[in-house]
C-alpha atoms as a PDB file:
ATOM      1  CA  MET A   1     -16.997   4.263  12.023  1.00  0.00           C
ATOM      2  CA  THR A   2     -15.356   4.092   9.606  1.00  0.00           C
ATOM      3  CA  ARG A   3     -12.952   0.671   8.447  1.00  0.00           C
ATOM      4  CA  PRO A   4      -9.227   1.324   8.009  1.00  0.00           C
ATOM      5  CA  ILE A   5      -7.410   1.510   4.735  1.00  0.00           C
ATOM      6  CA  ALA A   6      -6.085  -1.890   4.244  1.00  0.00           C
ATOM      7  CA  ARG A   7      -2.264  -0.225   3.399  1.00  0.00           C
ATOM      8  CA  GLU A   8      -0.814  -3.685   3.796  1.00  0.00           C
ATOM      9  CA  GLY A   9      -3.664  -5.386   1.588  1.00  0.00           C
ATOM     10  CA  ILE A  10      -2.888  -2.993  -1.532  1.00  0.00           C
ATOM     11  CA  LEU A  11       1.321  -3.130  -1.156  1.00  0.00           C
ATOM     12  CA  GLN A  12       0.660  -6.503  -0.923  1.00  0.00           C
ATOM     13  CA  ARG A  13      -1.454  -7.272  -4.058  1.00  0.00           C
ATOM     14  CA  HIS A  14       0.921  -4.948  -5.891  1.00  0.00           C
ATOM     15  CA  VAL A  15       3.870  -7.426  -5.187  1.00  0.00           C
ATOM     16  CA  LYS A  16       2.177 -10.221  -6.129  1.00  0.00           C
ATOM     17  CA  LEU A  17       1.751  -8.535  -9.606  1.00  0.00           C
ATOM     18  CA  PHE A  18       5.208  -7.240  -9.692  1.00  0.00           C
ATOM     19  CA  VAL A  19       6.562 -10.946  -9.217  1.00  0.00           C
ATOM     20  CA  ARG A  20       4.061 -12.279 -11.808  1.00  0.00           C
ATOM     21  CA  ASP A  21       5.594  -9.444 -14.674  1.00  0.00           C
ATOM     22  CA  ALA A  22       9.371  -9.392 -13.462  1.00  0.00           C
ATOM     23  CA  VAL A  23      10.328 -12.386 -12.507  1.00  0.00           C
ATOM     24  CA  THR A  24      11.485 -14.737 -15.046  1.00  0.00           C
ATOM     25  CA  ALA A  25      12.700 -17.643 -13.521  1.00  0.00           C
ATOM     26  CA  PRO A  26      10.101 -19.988 -12.423  1.00  0.00           C
ATOM     27  CA  HIS A  27       8.812 -19.474  -9.377  1.00  0.00           C
ATOM     28  CA  GLU A  28       5.638 -19.609  -6.612  1.00  0.00           C
ATOM     29  CA  PHE A  29       4.724 -16.997  -4.820  1.00  0.00           C
ATOM     30  CA  PHE A  30       2.280 -17.208  -1.776  1.00  0.00           C
ATOM     31  CA  ALA A  31       0.589 -15.007   0.819  1.00  0.00           C
ATOM     32  CA  PHE A  32      -0.772 -15.395   4.196  1.00  0.00           C
ATOM     33  CA  ASP A  33      -2.929 -13.697   6.431  1.00  0.00           C
ATOM     34  CA  ARG A  34      -3.833 -14.281   9.770  1.00  0.00           C
ATOM     35  CA  ALA A  35      -6.861 -12.532   9.918  1.00  0.00           C
ATOM     36  CA  LYS A  36      -7.889  -9.893  13.029  1.00  0.00           C
ATOM     37  CA  ALA A  37      -9.588 -11.083  16.050  1.00  0.00           C
ATOM     38  CA  ALA A  38     -13.184 -11.706  15.413  1.00  0.00           C
ATOM     39  CA  GLY A  39     -14.233 -12.972  18.682  1.00  0.00           C
ATOM     40  CA  LYS A  40     -12.774 -14.041  22.140  1.00  0.00           C
ATOM     41  CA  PHE A  41     -11.755 -17.315  20.941  1.00  0.00           C
ATOM     42  CA  SER A  42     -10.683 -16.753  17.395  1.00  0.00           C
ATOM     43  CA  HIS A  43      -6.785 -16.617  17.324  1.00  0.00           C
ATOM     44  CA  MET A  44      -6.864 -19.779  19.665  1.00  0.00           C
ATOM     45  CA  ARG A  45      -9.096 -21.473  16.744  1.00  0.00           C
ATOM     46  CA  GLU A  46      -6.162 -20.210  13.917  1.00  0.00           C
ATOM     47  CA  ALA A  47      -3.027 -21.363  16.481  1.00  0.00           C
ATOM     48  CA  GLY A  48      -4.709 -25.173  16.447  1.00  0.00           C
ATOM     49  CA  ARG A  49      -4.698 -24.877  13.242  1.00  0.00           C
ATOM     50  CA  GLY A  50      -1.159 -23.789  12.945  1.00  0.00           C
ATOM     51  CA  VAL A  51      -1.320 -20.372  11.916  1.00  0.00           C
ATOM     52  CA  ARG A  52       1.278 -18.290  14.472  1.00  0.00           C
ATOM     53  CA  LYS A  53       1.325 -14.794  15.241  1.00  0.00           C
ATOM     54  CA  GLY A  54       4.830 -13.169  13.173  1.00  0.00           C
ATOM     55  CA  THR A  55       4.348 -14.987  10.358  1.00  0.00           C
ATOM     56  CA  PRO A  56       5.304 -12.987   7.127  1.00  0.00           C
ATOM     57  CA  ASP A  57       2.994 -11.869   4.729  1.00  0.00           C
ATOM     58  CA  THR A  58       4.363 -13.195   1.348  1.00  0.00           C
ATOM     59  CA  LEU A  59       6.563 -16.831   0.249  1.00  0.00           C
ATOM     60  CA  LEU A  60       8.593 -16.836  -2.794  1.00  0.00           C
ATOM     61  CA  LEU A  61       9.749 -20.024  -4.031  1.00  0.00           C
ATOM     62  CA  VAL A  62      12.857 -19.897  -7.029  1.00  0.00           C
ATOM     63  CA  LEU A  63      14.583 -22.491  -8.176  1.00  0.00           C
ATOM     64  CA  GLU A  64      18.029 -22.482  -7.186  1.00  0.00           C
ATOM     65  CA  HIS A  65      17.570 -19.619  -4.512  1.00  0.00           C
ATOM     66  CA  PRO A  66      16.640 -19.909  -0.905  1.00  0.00           C
ATOM     67  CA  PRO A  67      12.958 -19.792   0.509  1.00  0.00           C
ATOM     68  CA  LEU A  68      12.169 -16.276   1.081  1.00  0.00           C
ATOM     69  CA  PHE A  69       9.888 -14.831   3.305  1.00  0.00           C
ATOM     70  CA  VAL A  70       9.139 -11.288   3.560  1.00  0.00           C
ATOM     71  CA  GLU A  71       6.795  -9.031   5.100  1.00  0.00           C
ATOM     72  CA  LEU A  72       5.330  -6.323   4.090  1.00  0.00           C
ATOM     73  CA  LYS A  73       4.722  -3.112   6.234  1.00  0.00           C
ATOM     74  CA  ALA A  74       2.978   0.225   5.233  1.00  0.00           C
ATOM     75  CA  PRO A  75       5.261   3.202   4.746  1.00  0.00           C
ATOM     76  CA  GLY A  76       6.476   4.069   8.164  1.00  0.00           C
ATOM     77  CA  GLY A  77       5.956   0.813   9.588  1.00  0.00           C
ATOM     78  CA  LYS A  78       8.369  -1.307  11.232  1.00  0.00           C
ATOM     79  CA  PRO A  79       8.087  -5.786  12.051  1.00  0.00           C
ATOM     80  CA  ASP A  80       6.805  -5.891  15.910  1.00  0.00           C
ATOM     81  CA  ALA A  81       8.643  -8.432  17.858  1.00  0.00           C
ATOM     82  CA  ALA A  82       6.981 -11.666  17.118  1.00  0.00           C
ATOM     83  CA  GLN A  83       7.870 -11.191  13.753  1.00  0.00           C
ATOM     84  CA  ILE A  84      11.168 -10.755  14.215  1.00  0.00           C
ATOM     85  CA  ALA A  85      11.730 -13.686  16.163  1.00  0.00           C
ATOM     86  CA  VAL A  86       9.597 -15.450  13.303  1.00  0.00           C
ATOM     87  CA  GLY A  87      12.035 -14.297  10.835  1.00  0.00           C
ATOM     88  CA  ASP A  88      15.134 -15.249  13.470  1.00  0.00           C
ATOM     89  CA  ALA A  89      13.543 -18.649  13.818  1.00  0.00           C
ATOM     90  CA  LEU A  90      13.333 -18.899   9.476  1.00  0.00           C
ATOM     91  CA  ARG A  91      16.958 -17.952   8.845  1.00  0.00           C
ATOM     92  CA  ALA A  92      18.158 -20.218  11.265  1.00  0.00           C
ATOM     93  CA  VAL A  93      17.057 -22.881   9.366  1.00  0.00           C
ATOM     94  CA  GLY A  94      18.058 -21.917   5.953  1.00  0.00           C
ATOM     95  CA  CYS A  95      15.789 -19.810   5.256  1.00  0.00           C
ATOM     96  CA  ARG A  96      15.456 -15.889   3.720  1.00  0.00           C
ATOM     97  CA  TRP A  97      13.721 -13.417   5.888  1.00  0.00           C
ATOM     98  CA  GLU A  98      13.124  -9.581   5.189  1.00  0.00           C
ATOM     99  CA  TRP A  99      11.012  -6.790   5.741  1.00  0.00           C
ATOM    100  CA  CYS A 100       9.519  -4.220   3.680  1.00  0.00           C
ATOM    101  CA  THR A 101       7.716  -0.742   2.701  1.00  0.00           C
ATOM    102  CA  THR A 102       8.001  -0.977  -0.869  1.00  0.00           C
ATOM    103  CA  VAL A 103       7.775  -2.664  -4.263  1.00  0.00           C
ATOM    104  CA  LEU A 104      10.963  -1.232  -5.025  1.00  0.00           C
ATOM    105  CA  SER A 105      12.540  -2.450  -1.674  1.00  0.00           C
ATOM    106  CA  TYR A 106      11.499  -5.483  -2.731  1.00  0.00           C
ATOM    107  CA  CYS A 107      12.680  -5.514  -6.393  1.00  0.00           C
ATOM    108  CA  ALA A 108      16.114  -4.914  -4.505  1.00  0.00           C
ATOM    109  CA  ILE A 109      15.894  -7.713  -2.314  1.00  0.00           C
ATOM    110  CA  LEU A 110      15.335  -9.910  -5.046  1.00  0.00           C
ATOM    111  CA  ALA A 111      17.986  -8.567  -7.172  1.00  0.00           C
ATOM    112  CA  GLU A 112      20.548  -8.650  -4.247  1.00  0.00           C
ATOM    113  CA  MET A 113      19.577 -12.600  -3.891  1.00  0.00           C
ATOM    114  CA  GLY A 114      20.204 -12.436  -8.119  1.00  0.00           C
ATOM    115  CA  VAL A 115      16.729 -14.082  -9.227  1.00  0.00           C
ATOM    116  CA  PRO A 116      16.503 -13.319 -12.477  1.00  0.00           C
ATOM    117  CA  MET A 117      13.957 -10.357 -13.065  1.00  0.00           C
ATOM    118  CA  ALA A 118      13.168  -8.642 -16.659  1.00  0.00           C
ATOM    119  CA  GLY A 119      15.432  -5.959 -17.690  1.00  0.00           C
ATOM    120  CA  ASN A 120      12.722  -3.716 -16.835  1.00  0.00           C
ATOM    121  CA  ALA A 121      12.093  -4.727 -13.211  1.00  0.00           C
ATOM    122  CA  THR A 122      12.830  -1.658 -11.346  1.00  0.00           C
ATOM    123  CA  VAL A 123      10.771   0.505 -13.899  1.00  0.00           C
ATOM    124  CA  GLN A 124       7.722  -1.512 -13.149  1.00  0.00           C
ATOM    125  CA  ALA A 125       8.715  -1.614  -9.031  1.00  0.00           C
ATOM    126  CA  LEU A 126       8.462   2.262  -9.267  1.00  0.00           C
ATOM    127  CA  GLN A 127       5.169   1.910 -11.411  1.00  0.00           C
ATOM    128  CA  HIS A 128       3.689  -0.339  -8.736  1.00  0.00           C
ATOM    129  CA  ASP A 129       4.438   2.098  -5.755  1.00  0.00           C
ATOM    130  CA  GLY A 130       2.708   4.658  -7.808  1.00  0.00           C
ATOM    131  CA  ALA A 131      -0.161   2.424  -8.322  1.00  0.00           C
ATOM    132  CA  VAL A 132       0.079   1.856  -4.014  1.00  0.00           C
ATOM    133  CA  ALA A 133       0.501   5.151  -3.483  1.00  0.00           C
ATOM    134  CA  SER A 134      -2.516   6.268  -5.382  1.00  0.00           C
ATOM    135  CA  LEU A 135      -5.077   3.498  -4.413  1.00  0.00           C
ATOM    136  CA  ILE A 136      -4.143   4.574  -0.470  1.00  0.00           C
ATOM    137  CA  ALA A 137      -4.724   8.492  -1.556  1.00  0.00           C
ATOM    138  CA  GLN A 138      -7.840   7.536  -3.394  1.00  0.00           C
ATOM    139  CA  ALA A 139      -9.182   5.296  -0.357  1.00  0.00           C
ATOM    140  CA  GLU A 140      -8.303   8.472   1.729  1.00  0.00           C
ATOM    141  CA  ALA A 141      -9.853  11.244   0.064  1.00  0.00           C
ATOM    142  CA  LYS A 142     -13.083   8.761   0.068  1.00  0.00           C
ATOM    143  CA  ARG A 143     -13.093   8.026   3.642  1.00  0.00           C
ATOM    144  CA  GLY A 144     -11.748  12.117   4.573  1.00  0.00           C
ATOM    145  CA  ASP A 145      -9.036  11.863   5.780  1.00  0.00           C
ATOM    146  CA  LEU A 146      -7.620  14.054   3.740  1.00  0.00           C
ATOM    147  CA  PRO A 147      -7.310  18.064   4.250  1.00  0.00           C
ATOM    148  CA  LYS A 148      -9.794  20.038   2.846  1.00  0.00           C
ATOM    149  CA  ALA A 149      -9.267  22.648   0.426  1.00  0.00           C
ATOM    150  CA  ALA A 150      -9.225  25.997   1.710  1.00  0.00           C
ATOM    151  CA  ARG A 151     -12.758  27.924   0.528  1.00  0.00           C
ATOM    152  CA  LYS A 152     -13.176  31.211  -0.413  1.00  0.00           C
ATOM    153  CA  PRO A 153     -15.714  33.142   1.427  1.00  0.00           C
ATOM    154  CA  LYS A 154     -18.937  33.821  -0.651  1.00  0.00           C
ATOM    155  CA  ALA A 155     -19.083  37.198  -2.277  1.00  0.00           C
ATOM    156  CA  ALA A 156     -21.274  39.269  -0.827  1.00  0.00           C
ATOM    157  CA  PRO A 157     -23.967  40.548  -3.392  1.00  0.00           C
ATOM    158  CA  ARG A 158     -23.818  43.158  -6.277  1.00  0.00           C
ATOM    159  CA  TYR A 159     -26.673  45.351  -6.627  1.00  0.00           C
ATOM    160  CA  THR A 160     -26.345  46.460 -10.050  1.00  0.00           C
ATOM    161  CA  ALA A 161     -28.845  50.099 -10.928  1.00  0.00           C
ATOM    162  CA  SER A 162     -31.850  49.564 -13.213  1.00  0.00           C
ATOM    163  CA  GLY A 163     -32.061  50.031 -16.469  1.00  0.00           C
ATOM    164  CA  LYS A 164     -32.981  53.492 -16.342  1.00  0.00           C
ATOM    165  CA  ARG A 165     -30.808  54.670 -13.811  1.00  0.00           C
ATOM    166  CA  ALA A 166     -27.752  53.043 -15.239  1.00  0.00           C
ATOM    167  CA  GLY A 167     -28.674  55.172 -18.136  1.00  0.00           C
ATOM    168  CA  ARG A 168     -28.281  58.076 -16.038  1.00  0.00           C
ATOM    169  CA  MET A 169     -25.425  57.547 -14.033  1.00  0.00           C
ATOM    170  CA  ALA A 170     -23.587  56.699 -17.279  1.00  0.00           C
ATOM    171  CA  GLY A 171     -24.672  60.486 -18.772  1.00  0.00           C
ATOM    172  CA  VAL A 172     -26.834  58.902 -21.682  1.00  0.00           C
ATOM    173  CA  GLY A 173     -30.658  61.413 -21.735  1.00  0.00           C
ATOM    174  CA  ARG A 174     -29.932  64.372 -19.759  1.00  0.00           C
END
């Protein structure tokens, strides 16, 4: 069985790198990851430690801005009911909660909040999105998810005349 491609993990890595390089104000970036169930009671053990279903993937703390929690989704994905419920609870206590599928959309959230960023932050975000797409495509190709290129049928063998016969056919030596 092939392992699934960690699309959200790839995106999360690039959001972290983007924040490190693009946010110019003092900040702290945190990432949270609730693991898939490893056994019958693993989520119960996590809940006992305070890990909740629906916890956003990232938290960005920037001076003079509300805490920003962001749920990252692979392209085409949307938050589930538990994630939306946690988002509503975070908004109710004064935090900012958003979800996005690209580094560029994360950059747009920061710009809307007025977070100080480098002048080329949009370009950096586009570069990170390109890297995310490339890494996902590489993983798909390695796993064999991409359609194989159409193969040309093997050419039929070509029969050639021997040296003497070739000469006669060319009109030499008559």
